Each structure stands twice: as C-alpha cells, then as structure tokens.
Amino acid sequence: MSEGYAYLVLVMIGVYRDIPAGGADGGQSITVAVSFLFTCVVAQTFLAMLCRLKAGIFFFFGGWLLVMTAFVYLLLPETKNLPIEQIGLVWREHWFWKRIVAGGDPVGEAK
C-alpha cells in the first residue's frame, strides 16, 4: 500500500475520534456509508477477480480472513464483564496499545 493510503487512514481515525457524543448519529451514518462503499467495490470487482483467479479467489478471501482473525486476536483486548470504568485500564495495560494510550486520562476520573 502507498504512504498516501496510510495518511488517509490516520485522518479518518482523527475524524471519527473527535465526534462529540451528540454527533454519534452522524458518525454512525458515515460508518454505514463507508461500509456500503466497500461492499459495492467488492461486489463490482468479484466477478472480474473470479474470472482471473479462478479457484485462487478462495485463497484471496481466505487470506484476508486470516489477517482479520490475527488482528482481532492480537490487537483487541477482552473486555467481557468489565465495567466501563476499567476499559481504559485494559487498553493502557495491553502490550501494543499501552504506547499509544498511556498518556490519556483514566476513564471515569474527573479532571
């Protein structure tokens, strides 16, 4: 992927992170629109890929499934049965995310 794509991802993260609580419905609308866009891209390119890759399309999508599974397993900590006040602590103690969220305010504490 190009460096420009990485910058686009960073900008999108910044846009989504700064949505105020009252703008959550707008954020959800953007999320649905982006999901529809990528669904359209996959639907439009699937037949062309099927014609070129034949059975290889199974391995293409299977490979992406493995990448997504590894991402979830390695980078998303378990938060089941935790109160909302402890979620920030979970992220601050995670082996990868602690470098990014270490300086943030703890969730639930007043400034």
PDB file of N, CA and C in Angstrom:
ATOM      1  N   MET A   1       0.832  -1.176   0.000  1.00  0.00           N
ATOM      2  CA  MET A   1       0.000   0.000   0.000  1.00  0.00           C
ATOM      3  C   MET A   1       0.879   1.243   0.000  1.00  0.00           C
ATOM      4  N   SER A   2       0.328   2.306  -0.498  1.00  0.00           N
ATOM      5  CA  SER A   2       1.105   3.535  -0.592  1.00  0.00           C
ATOM      6  C   SER A   2       1.097   4.307   0.714  1.00  0.00           C
ATOM      7  N   GLU A   3       2.015   5.240   0.814  1.00  0.00           N
ATOM      8  CA  GLU A   3       2.105   6.088   2.000  1.00  0.00           C
ATOM      9  C   GLU A   3       0.885   7.001   2.101  1.00  0.00           C
ATOM     10  N   GLY A   4       0.354   7.414   0.969  1.00  0.00           N
ATOM     11  CA  GLY A   4      -0.836   8.257   0.958  1.00  0.00           C
ATOM     12  C   GLY A   4      -2.033   7.567   1.582  1.00  0.00           C
ATOM     13  N   TYR A   5      -2.150   6.253   1.366  1.00  0.00           N
ATOM     14  CA  TYR A   5      -3.236   5.496   1.974  1.00  0.00           C
ATOM     15  C   TYR A   5      -3.103   5.508   3.492  1.00  0.00           C
ATOM     16  N   ALA A   6      -1.885   5.396   3.998  1.00  0.00           N
ATOM     17  CA  ALA A   6      -1.659   5.432   5.448  1.00  0.00           C
ATOM     18  C   ALA A   6      -2.097   6.778   6.022  1.00  0.00           C
ATOM     19  N   TYR A   7      -1.805   7.858   5.321  1.00  0.00           N
ATOM     20  CA  TYR A   7      -2.233   9.178   5.793  1.00  0.00           C
ATOM     21  C   TYR A   7      -3.757   9.294   5.793  1.00  0.00           C
ATOM     22  N   LEU A   8      -4.404   8.713   4.788  1.00  0.00           N
ATOM     23  CA  LEU A   8      -5.864   8.730   4.742  1.00  0.00           C
ATOM     24  C   LEU A   8      -6.447   8.006   5.952  1.00  0.00           C
ATOM     25  N   VAL A   9      -5.885   6.867   6.300  1.00  0.00           N
ATOM     26  CA  VAL A   9      -6.360   6.116   7.457  1.00  0.00           C
ATOM     27  C   VAL A   9      -6.191   6.943   8.732  1.00  0.00           C
ATOM     28  N   LEU A  10      -5.054   7.612   8.891  1.00  0.00           N
ATOM     29  CA  LEU A  10      -4.825   8.438  10.074  1.00  0.00           C
ATOM     30  C   LEU A  10      -5.821   9.591  10.156  1.00  0.00           C
ATOM     31  N   VAL A  11      -6.120  10.210   9.032  1.00  0.00           N
ATOM     32  CA  VAL A  11      -7.095  11.303   9.022  1.00  0.00           C
ATOM     33  C   VAL A  11      -8.475  10.784   9.406  1.00  0.00           C
ATOM     34  N   MET A  12      -8.863   9.630   8.872  1.00  0.00           N
ATOM     35  CA  MET A  12     -10.170   9.068   9.199  1.00  0.00           C
ATOM     36  C   MET A  12     -10.265   8.715  10.683  1.00  0.00           C
ATOM     37  N   ILE A  13      -9.192   8.191  11.258  1.00  0.00           N
ATOM     38  CA  ILE A  13      -9.191   7.895  12.690  1.00  0.00           C
ATOM     39  C   ILE A  13      -9.382   9.182  13.475  1.00  0.00           C
ATOM     40  N   GLY A  14      -8.700  10.241  13.082  1.00  0.00           N
ATOM     41  CA  GLY A  14      -8.843  11.524  13.756  1.00  0.00           C
ATOM     42  C   GLY A  14     -10.246  12.079  13.648  1.00  0.00           C
ATOM     43  N   VAL A  15     -10.868  11.922  12.497  1.00  0.00           N
ATOM     44  CA  VAL A  15     -12.227  12.420  12.303  1.00  0.00           C
ATOM     45  C   VAL A  15     -13.203  11.650  13.178  1.00  0.00           C
ATOM     46  N   TYR A  16     -13.095  10.337  13.200  1.00  0.00           N
ATOM     47  CA  TYR A  16     -14.021   9.526  13.988  1.00  0.00           C
ATOM     48  C   TYR A  16     -13.815   9.709  15.484  1.00  0.00           C
ATOM     49  N   ARG A  17     -12.576   9.909  15.916  1.00  0.00           N
ATOM     50  CA  ARG A  17     -12.295  10.029  17.341  1.00  0.00           C
ATOM     51  C   ARG A  17     -12.846  11.317  17.919  1.00  0.00           C
ATOM     52  N   ASP A  18     -12.921  12.371  17.144  1.00  0.00           N
ATOM     53  CA  ASP A  18     -13.319  13.676  17.637  1.00  0.00           C
ATOM     54  C   ASP A  18     -14.807  13.967  17.495  1.00  0.00           C
ATOM     55  N   ILE A  19     -15.608  12.956  17.232  1.00  0.00           N
ATOM     56  CA  ILE A  19     -17.048  13.160  17.120  1.00  0.00           C
ATOM     57  C   ILE A  19     -17.620  13.296  18.530  1.00  0.00           C
ATOM     58  N   PRO A  20     -18.296  14.405  18.845  1.00  0.00           N
ATOM     59  CA  PRO A  20     -18.875  14.556  20.183  1.00  0.00           C
ATOM     60  C   PRO A  20     -20.030  13.584  20.392  1.00  0.00           C
ATOM     61  N   ALA A  21     -20.436  13.434  21.654  1.00  0.00           N
ATOM     62  CA  ALA A  21     -21.497  12.481  21.983  1.00  0.00           C
ATOM     63  C   ALA A  21     -22.782  12.781  21.217  1.00  0.00           C
ATOM     64  N   GLY A  22     -23.098  14.054  21.015  1.00  0.00           N
ATOM     65  CA  GLY A  22     -24.301  14.419  20.278  1.00  0.00           C
ATOM     66  C   GLY A  22     -24.212  14.126  18.796  1.00  0.00           C
ATOM     67  N   GLY A  23     -23.018  13.908  18.287  1.00  0.00           N
ATOM     68  CA  GLY A  23     -22.832  13.644  16.867  1.00  0.00           C
ATOM     69  C   GLY A  23     -22.656  12.183  16.545  1.00  0.00           C
ATOM     70  N   ALA A  24     -22.981  11.326  17.501  1.00  0.00           N
ATOM     71  CA  ALA A  24     -22.800   9.893  17.279  1.00  0.00           C
ATOM     72  C   ALA A  24     -23.659   9.386  16.126  1.00  0.00           C
ATOM     73  N   ASP A  25     -24.849   9.967  15.952  1.00  0.00           N
ATOM     74  CA  ASP A  25     -25.700   9.530  14.847  1.00  0.00           C
ATOM     75  C   ASP A  25     -25.068   9.877  13.500  1.00  0.00           C
ATOM     76  N   GLY A  26     -24.412  11.027  13.431  1.00  0.00           N
ATOM     77  CA  GLY A  26     -23.693  11.377  12.201  1.00  0.00           C
ATOM     78  C   GLY A  26     -22.521  10.446  11.957  1.00  0.00           C
ATOM     79  N   GLY A  27     -21.820  10.089  13.020  1.00  0.00           N
ATOM     80  CA  GLY A  27     -20.714   9.139  12.896  1.00  0.00           C
ATOM     81  C   GLY A  27     -21.195   7.781  12.430  1.00  0.00           C
ATOM     82  N   GLN A  28     -22.339   7.354  12.938  1.00  0.00           N
ATOM     83  CA  GLN A  28     -22.904   6.083  12.506  1.00  0.00           C
ATOM     84  C   GLN A  28     -23.288   6.146  11.025  1.00  0.00           C
ATOM     85  N   SER A  29     -23.810   7.280  10.589  1.00  0.00           N
ATOM     86  CA  SER A  29     -24.161   7.437   9.176  1.00  0.00           C
ATOM     87  C   SER A  29     -22.935   7.321   8.286  1.00  0.00           C
ATOM     88  N   ILE A  30     -21.839   7.938   8.714  1.00  0.00           N
ATOM     89  CA  ILE A  30     -20.599   7.846   7.943  1.00  0.00           C
ATOM     90  C   ILE A  30     -20.108   6.411   7.904  1.00  0.00           C
ATOM     91  N   THR A  31     -20.192   5.716   9.041  1.00  0.00           N
ATOM     92  CA  THR A  31     -19.755   4.327   9.112  1.00  0.00           C
ATOM     93  C   THR A  31     -20.556   3.452   8.150  1.00  0.00           C
ATOM     94  N   VAL A  32     -21.859   3.637   8.117  1.00  0.00           N
ATOM     95  CA  VAL A  32     -22.710   2.853   7.218  1.00  0.00           C
ATOM     96  C   VAL A  32     -22.390   3.188   5.767  1.00  0.00           C
ATOM     97  N   ALA A  33     -22.180   4.464   5.460  1.00  0.00           N
ATOM     98  CA  ALA A  33     -21.874   4.864   4.090  1.00  0.00           C
ATOM     99  C   ALA A  33     -20.549   4.250   3.624  1.00  0.00           C
ATOM    100  N   VAL A  34     -19.541   4.266   4.477  1.00  0.00           N
ATOM    101  CA  VAL A  34     -18.242   3.670   4.116  1.00  0.00           C
ATOM    102  C   VAL A  34     -18.394   2.166   3.932  1.00  0.00           C
ATOM    103  N   SER A  35     -19.183   1.528   4.802  1.00  0.00           N
ATOM    104  CA  SER A  35     -19.434   0.089   4.658  1.00  0.00           C
ATOM    105  C   SER A  35     -20.111  -0.218   3.328  1.00  0.00           C
ATOM    106  N   PHE A  36     -21.122   0.568   2.961  1.00  0.00           N
ATOM    107  CA  PHE A  36     -21.791   0.382   1.672  1.00  0.00           C
ATOM    108  C   PHE A  36     -20.822   0.588   0.511  1.00  0.00           C
ATOM    109  N   LEU A  37     -19.953   1.588   0.623  1.00  0.00           N
ATOM    110  CA  LEU A  37     -18.980   1.862  -0.432  1.00  0.00           C
ATOM    111  C   LEU A  37     -18.075   0.658  -0.667  1.00  0.00           C
ATOM    112  N   PHE A  38     -17.523   0.114   0.409  1.00  0.00           N
ATOM    113  CA  PHE A  38     -16.615  -1.019   0.248  1.00  0.00           C
ATOM    114  C   PHE A  38     -17.356  -2.291  -0.167  1.00  0.00           C
ATOM    115  N   THR A  39     -18.599  -2.446   0.256  1.00  0.00           N
ATOM    116  CA  THR A  39     -19.400  -3.570  -0.216  1.00  0.00           C
ATOM    117  C   THR A  39     -19.622  -3.462  -1.719  1.00  0.00           C
ATOM    118  N   CYS A  40     -19.866  -2.254  -2.192  1.00  0.00           N
ATOM    119  CA  CYS A  40     -20.034  -2.021  -3.631  1.00  0.00           C
ATOM    120  C   CYS A  40     -18.752  -2.342  -4.392  1.00  0.00           C
ATOM    121  N   VAL A  41     -17.614  -1.928  -3.845  1.00  0.00           N
ATOM    122  CA  VAL A  41     -16.327  -2.207  -4.504  1.00  0.00           C
ATOM    123  C   VAL A  41     -16.097  -3.710  -4.608  1.00  0.00           C
ATOM    124  N   VAL A  42     -16.350  -4.429  -3.530  1.00  0.00           N
ATOM    125  CA  VAL A  42     -16.174  -5.885  -3.554  1.00  0.00           C
ATOM    126  C   VAL A  42     -17.140  -6.515  -4.556  1.00  0.00           C
ATOM    127  N   ALA A  43     -18.388  -6.078  -4.551  1.00  0.00           N
ATOM    128  CA  ALA A  43     -19.375  -6.646  -5.465  1.00  0.00           C
ATOM    129  C   ALA A  43     -19.012  -6.383  -6.926  1.00  0.00           C
ATOM    130  N   GLN A  44     -18.470  -5.205  -7.213  1.00  0.00           N
ATOM    131  CA  GLN A  44     -18.130  -4.865  -8.596  1.00  0.00           C
ATOM    132  C   GLN A  44     -16.861  -5.568  -9.081  1.00  0.00           C
ATOM    133  N   THR A  45     -15.956  -5.882  -8.162  1.00  0.00           N
ATOM    134  CA  THR A  45     -14.687  -6.492  -8.582  1.00  0.00           C
ATOM    135  C   THR A  45     -14.679  -8.009  -8.446  1.00  0.00           C
ATOM    136  N   PHE A  46     -15.658  -8.576  -7.773  1.00  0.00           N
ATOM    137  CA  PHE A  46     -15.645 -10.008  -7.511  1.00  0.00           C
ATOM    138  C   PHE A  46     -15.650 -10.836  -8.792  1.00  0.00           C
ATOM    139  N   LEU A  47     -16.538 -10.520  -9.731  1.00  0.00           N
ATOM    140  CA  LEU A  47     -16.623 -11.335 -10.949  1.00  0.00           C
ATOM    141  C   LEU A  47     -15.356 -11.251 -11.787  1.00  0.00           C
ATOM    142  N   ALA A  48     -14.770 -10.052 -11.879  1.00  0.00           N
ATOM    143  CA  ALA A  48     -13.526  -9.921 -12.629  1.00  0.00           C
ATOM    144  C   ALA A  48     -12.409 -10.724 -11.957  1.00  0.00           C
ATOM    145  N   MET A  49     -12.363 -10.668 -10.642  1.00  0.00           N
ATOM    146  CA  MET A  49     -11.350 -11.447  -9.915  1.00  0.00           C
ATOM    147  C   MET A  49     -11.606 -12.940 -10.068  1.00  0.00           C
ATOM    148  N   LEU A  50     -12.870 -13.346 -10.058  1.00  0.00           N
ATOM    149  CA  LEU A  50     -13.203 -14.762 -10.212  1.00  0.00           C
ATOM    150  C   LEU A  50     -12.752 -15.280 -11.570  1.00  0.00           C
ATOM    151  N   CYS A  51     -12.936 -14.465 -12.612  1.00  0.00           N
ATOM    152  CA  CYS A  51     -12.524 -14.877 -13.958  1.00  0.00           C
ATOM    153  C   CYS A  51     -11.003 -15.000 -14.064  1.00  0.00           C
ATOM    154  N   ARG A  52     -10.270 -14.126 -13.399  1.00  0.00           N
ATOM    155  CA  ARG A  52      -8.809 -14.153 -13.487  1.00  0.00           C
ATOM    156  C   ARG A  52      -8.175 -15.148 -12.520  1.00  0.00           C
ATOM    157  N   LEU A  53      -8.671 -15.203 -11.299  1.00  0.00           N
ATOM    158  CA  LEU A  53      -8.034 -16.025 -10.275  1.00  0.00           C
ATOM    159  C   LEU A  53      -8.608 -17.441 -10.193  1.00  0.00           C
ATOM    160  N   LYS A  54      -9.786 -17.645 -10.761  1.00  0.00           N
ATOM    161  CA  LYS A  54     -10.493 -18.926 -10.701  1.00  0.00           C
ATOM    162  C   LYS A  54     -10.607 -19.387  -9.247  1.00  0.00           C
ATOM    163  N   ALA A  55     -10.061 -20.531  -8.901  1.00  0.00           N
ATOM    164  CA  ALA A  55     -10.164 -21.033  -7.527  1.00  0.00           C
ATOM    165  C   ALA A  55      -9.298 -20.229  -6.571  1.00  0.00           C
ATOM    166  N   GLY A  56      -8.369 -19.444  -7.094  1.00  0.00           N
ATOM    167  CA  GLY A  56      -7.500 -18.632  -6.250  1.00  0.00           C
ATOM    168  C   GLY A  56      -8.255 -17.573  -5.475  1.00  0.00           C
ATOM    169  N   ILE A  57      -9.473 -17.250  -5.920  1.00  0.00           N
ATOM    170  CA  ILE A  57     -10.247 -16.255  -5.191  1.00  0.00           C
ATOM    171  C   ILE A  57     -10.610 -16.758  -3.796  1.00  0.00           C
ATOM    172  N   PHE A  58     -10.746 -18.078  -3.665  1.00  0.00           N
ATOM    173  CA  PHE A  58     -10.975 -18.658  -2.341  1.00  0.00           C
ATOM    174  C   PHE A  58      -9.796 -18.358  -1.424  1.00  0.00           C
ATOM    175  N   PHE A  59      -8.583 -18.517  -1.934  1.00  0.00           N
ATOM    176  CA  PHE A  59      -7.391 -18.251  -1.125  1.00  0.00           C
ATOM    177  C   PHE A  59      -7.209 -16.758  -0.867  1.00  0.00           C
ATOM    178  N   PHE A  60      -7.627 -15.918  -1.811  1.00  0.00           N
ATOM    179  CA  PHE A  60      -7.551 -14.474  -1.615  1.00  0.00           C
ATOM    180  C   PHE A  60      -8.408 -14.050  -0.428  1.00  0.00           C
ATOM    181  N   PHE A  61      -9.686 -14.424  -0.448  1.00  0.00           N
ATOM    182  CA  PHE A  61     -10.569 -14.044   0.648  1.00  0.00           C
ATOM    183  C   PHE A  61     -10.240 -14.810   1.927  1.00  0.00           C
ATOM    184  N   GLY A  62      -9.792 -16.057   1.806  1.00  0.00           N
ATOM    185  CA  GLY A  62      -9.358 -16.812   2.976  1.00  0.00           C
ATOM    186  C   GLY A  62      -8.145 -16.173   3.640  1.00  0.00           C
ATOM    187  N   GLY A  63      -7.234 -15.641   2.832  1.00  0.00           N
ATOM    188  CA  GLY A  63      -6.066 -14.941   3.369  1.00  0.00           C
ATOM    189  C   GLY A  63      -6.466 -13.698   4.142  1.00  0.00           C
ATOM    190  N   TRP A  64      -7.421 -12.949   3.587  1.00  0.00           N
ATOM    191  CA  TRP A  64      -7.900 -11.767   4.309  1.00  0.00           C
ATOM    192  C   TRP A  64      -8.603 -12.160   5.607  1.00  0.00           C
ATOM    193  N   LEU A  65      -9.291 -13.279   5.598  1.00  0.00           N
ATOM    194  CA  LEU A  65      -9.936 -13.757   6.815  1.00  0.00           C
ATOM    195  C   LEU A  65      -8.898 -14.082   7.887  1.00  0.00           C
ATOM    196  N   LEU A  66      -7.780 -14.695   7.485  1.00  0.00           N
ATOM    197  CA  LEU A  66      -6.703 -14.982   8.439  1.00  0.00           C
ATOM    198  C   LEU A  66      -6.084 -13.702   8.986  1.00  0.00           C
ATOM    199  N   VAL A  67      -5.886 -12.707   8.110  1.00  0.00           N
ATOM    200  CA  VAL A  67      -5.330 -11.425   8.560  1.00  0.00           C
ATOM    201  C   VAL A  67      -6.258 -10.765   9.576  1.00  0.00           C
ATOM    202  N   MET A  68      -7.561 -10.751   9.288  1.00  0.00           N
ATOM    203  CA  MET A  68      -8.519 -10.124  10.207  1.00  0.00           C
ATOM    204  C   MET A  68      -8.606 -10.881  11.528  1.00  0.00           C
ATOM    205  N   THR A  69      -8.538 -12.207  11.472  1.00  0.00           N
ATOM    206  CA  THR A  69      -8.576 -13.007  12.690  1.00  0.00           C
ATOM    207  C   THR A  69      -7.349 -12.726  13.551  1.00  0.00           C
ATOM    208  N   ALA A  70      -6.188 -12.642  12.924  1.00  0.00           N
ATOM    209  CA  ALA A  70      -4.962 -12.335  13.674  1.00  0.00           C
ATOM    210  C   ALA A  70      -5.044 -10.943  14.294  1.00  0.00           C
ATOM    211  N   PHE A  71      -5.600  -9.979  13.562  1.00  0.00           N
ATOM    212  CA  PHE A  71      -5.757  -8.625  14.101  1.00  0.00           C
ATOM    213  C   PHE A  71      -6.619  -8.637  15.354  1.00  0.00           C
ATOM    214  N   VAL A  72      -7.767  -9.291  15.282  1.00  0.00           N
ATOM    215  CA  VAL A  72      -8.670  -9.328  16.430  1.00  0.00           C
ATOM    216  C   VAL A  72      -8.022 -10.065  17.592  1.00  0.00           C
ATOM    217  N   TYR A  73      -7.395 -11.185  17.327  1.00  0.00           N
ATOM    218  CA  TYR A  73      -6.805 -11.993  18.394  1.00  0.00           C
ATOM    219  C   TYR A  73      -5.651 -11.266  19.075  1.00  0.00           C
ATOM    220  N   LEU A  74      -4.804 -10.583  18.301  1.00  0.00           N
ATOM    221  CA  LEU A  74      -3.607  -9.960  18.859  1.00  0.00           C
ATOM    222  C   LEU A  74      -3.814  -8.536  19.357  1.00  0.00           C
ATOM    223  N   LEU A  75      -4.684  -7.762  18.717  1.00  0.00           N
ATOM    224  CA  LEU A  75      -4.741  -6.333  18.997  1.00  0.00           C
ATOM    225  C   LEU A  75      -5.995  -5.852  19.705  1.00  0.00           C
ATOM    226  N   LEU A  76      -6.990  -6.701  19.896  1.00  0.00           N
ATOM    227  CA  LEU A  76      -8.193  -6.264  20.594  1.00  0.00           C
ATOM    228  C   LEU A  76      -8.313  -7.011  21.921  1.00  0.00           C
ATOM    229  N   PRO A  77      -8.128  -6.303  23.044  1.00  0.00           N
ATOM    230  CA  PRO A  77      -8.188  -6.985  24.341  1.00  0.00           C
ATOM    231  C   PRO A  77      -9.620  -7.377  24.712  1.00  0.00           C
ATOM    232  N   GLU A  78      -9.726  -8.392  25.538  1.00  0.00           N
ATOM    233  CA  GLU A  78     -11.024  -8.870  26.001  1.00  0.00           C
ATOM    234  C   GLU A  78     -11.597  -7.887  27.022  1.00  0.00           C
ATOM    235  N   THR A  79     -12.842  -7.474  26.838  1.00  0.00           N
ATOM    236  CA  THR A  79     -13.488  -6.539  27.761  1.00  0.00           C
ATOM    237  C   THR A  79     -14.795  -7.101  28.303  1.00  0.00           C
ATOM    238  N   LYS A  80     -15.018  -8.381  28.148  1.00  0.00           N
ATOM    239  CA  LYS A  80     -16.265  -9.003  28.596  1.00  0.00           C
ATOM    240  C   LYS A  80     -16.381  -8.914  30.119  1.00  0.00           C
ATOM    241  N   ASN A  81     -17.563  -8.553  30.584  1.00  0.00           N
ATOM    242  CA  ASN A  81     -17.897  -8.455  32.008  1.00  0.00           C
ATOM    243  C   ASN A  81     -17.058  -7.429  32.766  1.00  0.00           C
ATOM    244  N   LEU A  82     -16.521  -6.439  32.083  1.00  0.00           N
ATOM    245  CA  LEU A  82     -15.773  -5.370  32.751  1.00  0.00           C
ATOM    246  C   LEU A  82     -16.634  -4.117  32.801  1.00  0.00           C
ATOM    247  N   PRO A  83     -16.631  -3.416  33.923  1.00  0.00           N
ATOM    248  CA  PRO A  83     -17.361  -2.143  33.962  1.00  0.00           C
ATOM    249  C   PRO A  83     -16.656  -1.106  33.088  1.00  0.00           C
ATOM    250  N   ILE A  84     -17.402  -0.132  32.648  1.00  0.00           N
ATOM    251  CA  ILE A  84     -16.877   0.876  31.727  1.00  0.00           C
ATOM    252  C   ILE A  84     -15.705   1.628  32.336  1.00  0.00           C
ATOM    253  N   GLU A  85     -15.657   1.726  33.650  1.00  0.00           N
ATOM    254  CA  GLU A  85     -14.570   2.455  34.307  1.00  0.00           C
ATOM    255  C   GLU A  85     -13.229   1.755  34.137  1.00  0.00           C
ATOM    256  N   GLN A  86     -13.220   0.450  33.907  1.00  0.00           N
ATOM    257  CA  GLN A  86     -11.976  -0.303  33.791  1.00  0.00           C
ATOM    258  C   GLN A  86     -11.508  -0.487  32.357  1.00  0.00           C
ATOM    259  N   ILE A  87     -12.301  -0.076  31.392  1.00  0.00           N
ATOM    260  CA  ILE A  87     -11.934  -0.281  29.991  1.00  0.00           C
ATOM    261  C   ILE A  87     -10.656   0.478  29.644  1.00  0.00           C
ATOM    262  N   GLY A  88     -10.531   1.717  30.125  1.00  0.00           N
ATOM    263  CA  GLY A  88      -9.315   2.487  29.867  1.00  0.00           C
ATOM    264  C   GLY A  88      -8.086   1.805  30.413  1.00  0.00           C
ATOM    265  N   LEU A  89      -8.193   1.181  31.566  1.00  0.00           N
ATOM    266  CA  LEU A  89      -7.074   0.461  32.165  1.00  0.00           C
ATOM    267  C   LEU A  89      -6.677  -0.738  31.308  1.00  0.00           C
ATOM    268  N   VAL A  90      -7.667  -1.420  30.752  1.00  0.00           N
ATOM    269  CA  VAL A  90      -7.382  -2.569  29.884  1.00  0.00           C
ATOM    270  C   VAL A  90      -6.551  -2.126  28.684  1.00  0.00           C
ATOM    271  N   TRP A  91      -6.918  -0.996  28.083  1.00  0.00           N
ATOM    272  CA  TRP A  91      -6.174  -0.509  26.921  1.00  0.00           C
ATOM    273  C   TRP A  91      -4.784  -0.037  27.321  1.00  0.00           C
ATOM    274  N   ARG A  92      -4.654   0.592  28.509  1.00  0.00           N
ATOM    275  CA  ARG A  92      -3.342   1.073  28.946  1.00  0.00           C
ATOM    276  C   ARG A  92      -2.395  -0.065  29.319  1.00  0.00           C
ATOM    277  N   GLU A  93      -2.911  -1.243  29.641  1.00  0.00           N
ATOM    278  CA  GLU A  93      -2.067  -2.376  30.001  1.00  0.00           C
ATOM    279  C   GLU A  93      -1.819  -3.334  28.842  1.00  0.00           C
ATOM    280  N   HIS A  94      -2.466  -3.138  27.702  1.00  0.00           N
ATOM    281  CA  HIS A  94      -2.292  -4.022  26.550  1.00  0.00           C
ATOM    282  C   HIS A  94      -0.886  -3.853  25.988  1.00  0.00           C
ATOM    283  N   TRP A  95      -0.271  -4.949  25.537  1.00  0.00           N
ATOM    284  CA  TRP A  95       1.122  -4.920  25.092  1.00  0.00           C
ATOM    285  C   TRP A  95       1.352  -3.976  23.919  1.00  0.00           C
ATOM    286  N   PHE A  96       0.381  -3.778  23.044  1.00  0.00           N
ATOM    287  CA  PHE A  96       0.568  -2.909  21.883  1.00  0.00           C
ATOM    288  C   PHE A  96       0.036  -1.505  22.138  1.00  0.00           C
ATOM    289  N   TRP A  97      -1.172  -1.397  22.675  1.00  0.00           N
ATOM    290  CA  TRP A  97      -1.857  -0.115  22.792  1.00  0.00           C
ATOM    291  C   TRP A  97      -1.340   0.743  23.929  1.00  0.00           C
ATOM    292  N   LYS A  98      -0.585   0.176  24.869  1.00  0.00           N
ATOM    293  CA  LYS A  98      -0.117   0.979  26.002  1.00  0.00           C
ATOM    294  C   LYS A  98       0.811   2.103  25.568  1.00  0.00           C
ATOM    295  N   ARG A  99       1.503   1.939  24.448  1.00  0.00           N
ATOM    296  CA  ARG A  99       2.362   3.010  23.930  1.00  0.00           C
ATOM    297  C   ARG A  99       1.550   4.181  23.404  1.00  0.00           C
ATOM    298  N   ILE A 100       0.336   3.921  22.979  1.00  0.00           N
ATOM    299  CA  ILE A 100      -0.485   4.943  22.351  1.00  0.00           C
ATOM    300  C   ILE A 100      -1.386   5.641  23.356  1.00  0.00           C
ATOM    301  N   VAL A 101      -1.975   4.901  24.280  1.00  0.00           N
ATOM    302  CA  VAL A 101      -2.942   5.480  25.205  1.00  0.00           C
ATOM    303  C   VAL A 101      -2.380   5.726  26.600  1.00  0.00           C
ATOM    304  N   ALA A 102      -1.100   5.542  26.798  1.00  0.00           N
ATOM    305  CA  ALA A 102      -0.514   5.666  28.145  1.00  0.00           C
ATOM    306  C   ALA A 102      -0.695   7.069  28.735  1.00  0.00           C
ATOM    307  N   GLY A 103      -0.665   8.113  27.904  1.00  0.00           N
ATOM    308  CA  GLY A 103      -0.759   9.472  28.427  1.00  0.00           C
ATOM    309  C   GLY A 103      -2.172   9.977  28.603  1.00  0.00           C
ATOM    310  N   GLY A 104      -3.167   9.206  28.242  1.00  0.00           N
ATOM    311  CA  GLY A 104      -4.554   9.670  28.316  1.00  0.00           C
ATOM    312  C   GLY A 104      -5.078   9.682  29.728  1.00  0.00           C
ATOM    313  N   ASP A 105      -6.165  10.434  29.932  1.00  0.00           N
ATOM    314  CA  ASP A 105      -6.824  10.487  31.236  1.00  0.00           C
ATOM    315  C   ASP A 105      -7.563   9.177  31.474  1.00  0.00           C
ATOM    316  N   PRO A 106      -7.525   8.674  32.693  1.00  0.00           N
ATOM    317  CA  PRO A 106      -8.294   7.464  33.005  1.00  0.00           C
ATOM    318  C   PRO A 106      -9.787   7.717  32.830  1.00  0.00           C
ATOM    319  N   VAL A 107     -10.478   6.745  32.335  1.00  0.00           N
ATOM    320  CA  VAL A 107     -11.919   6.863  32.112  1.00  0.00           C
ATOM    321  C   VAL A 107     -12.619   6.922  33.466  1.00  0.00           C
ATOM    322  N   GLY A 108     -13.553   7.844  33.595  1.00  0.00           N
ATOM    323  CA  GLY A 108     -14.346   7.935  34.800  1.00  0.00           C
ATOM    324  C   GLY A 108     -13.789   8.840  35.877  1.00  0.00           C
ATOM    325  N   GLU A 109     -12.562   9.338  35.711  1.00  0.00           N
ATOM    326  CA  GLU A 109     -11.989  10.222  36.720  1.00  0.00           C
ATOM    327  C   GLU A 109     -12.179  11.681  36.300  1.00  0.00           C
ATOM    328  N   ALA A 110     -12.528  12.523  37.241  1.00  0.00           N
ATOM    329  CA  ALA A 110     -12.729  13.936  36.958  1.00  0.00           C
ATOM    330  C   ALA A 110     -11.394  14.631  36.785  1.00  0.00           C
ATOM    331  N   LYS A 111     -11.397  15.666  35.980  1.00  0.00           N
ATOM    332  CA  LYS A 111     -10.157  16.417  35.741  1.00  0.00           C
ATOM    333  C   LYS A 111      -9.927  17.427  36.845  1.00  0.00           C
TER     334      LYS A 111
END
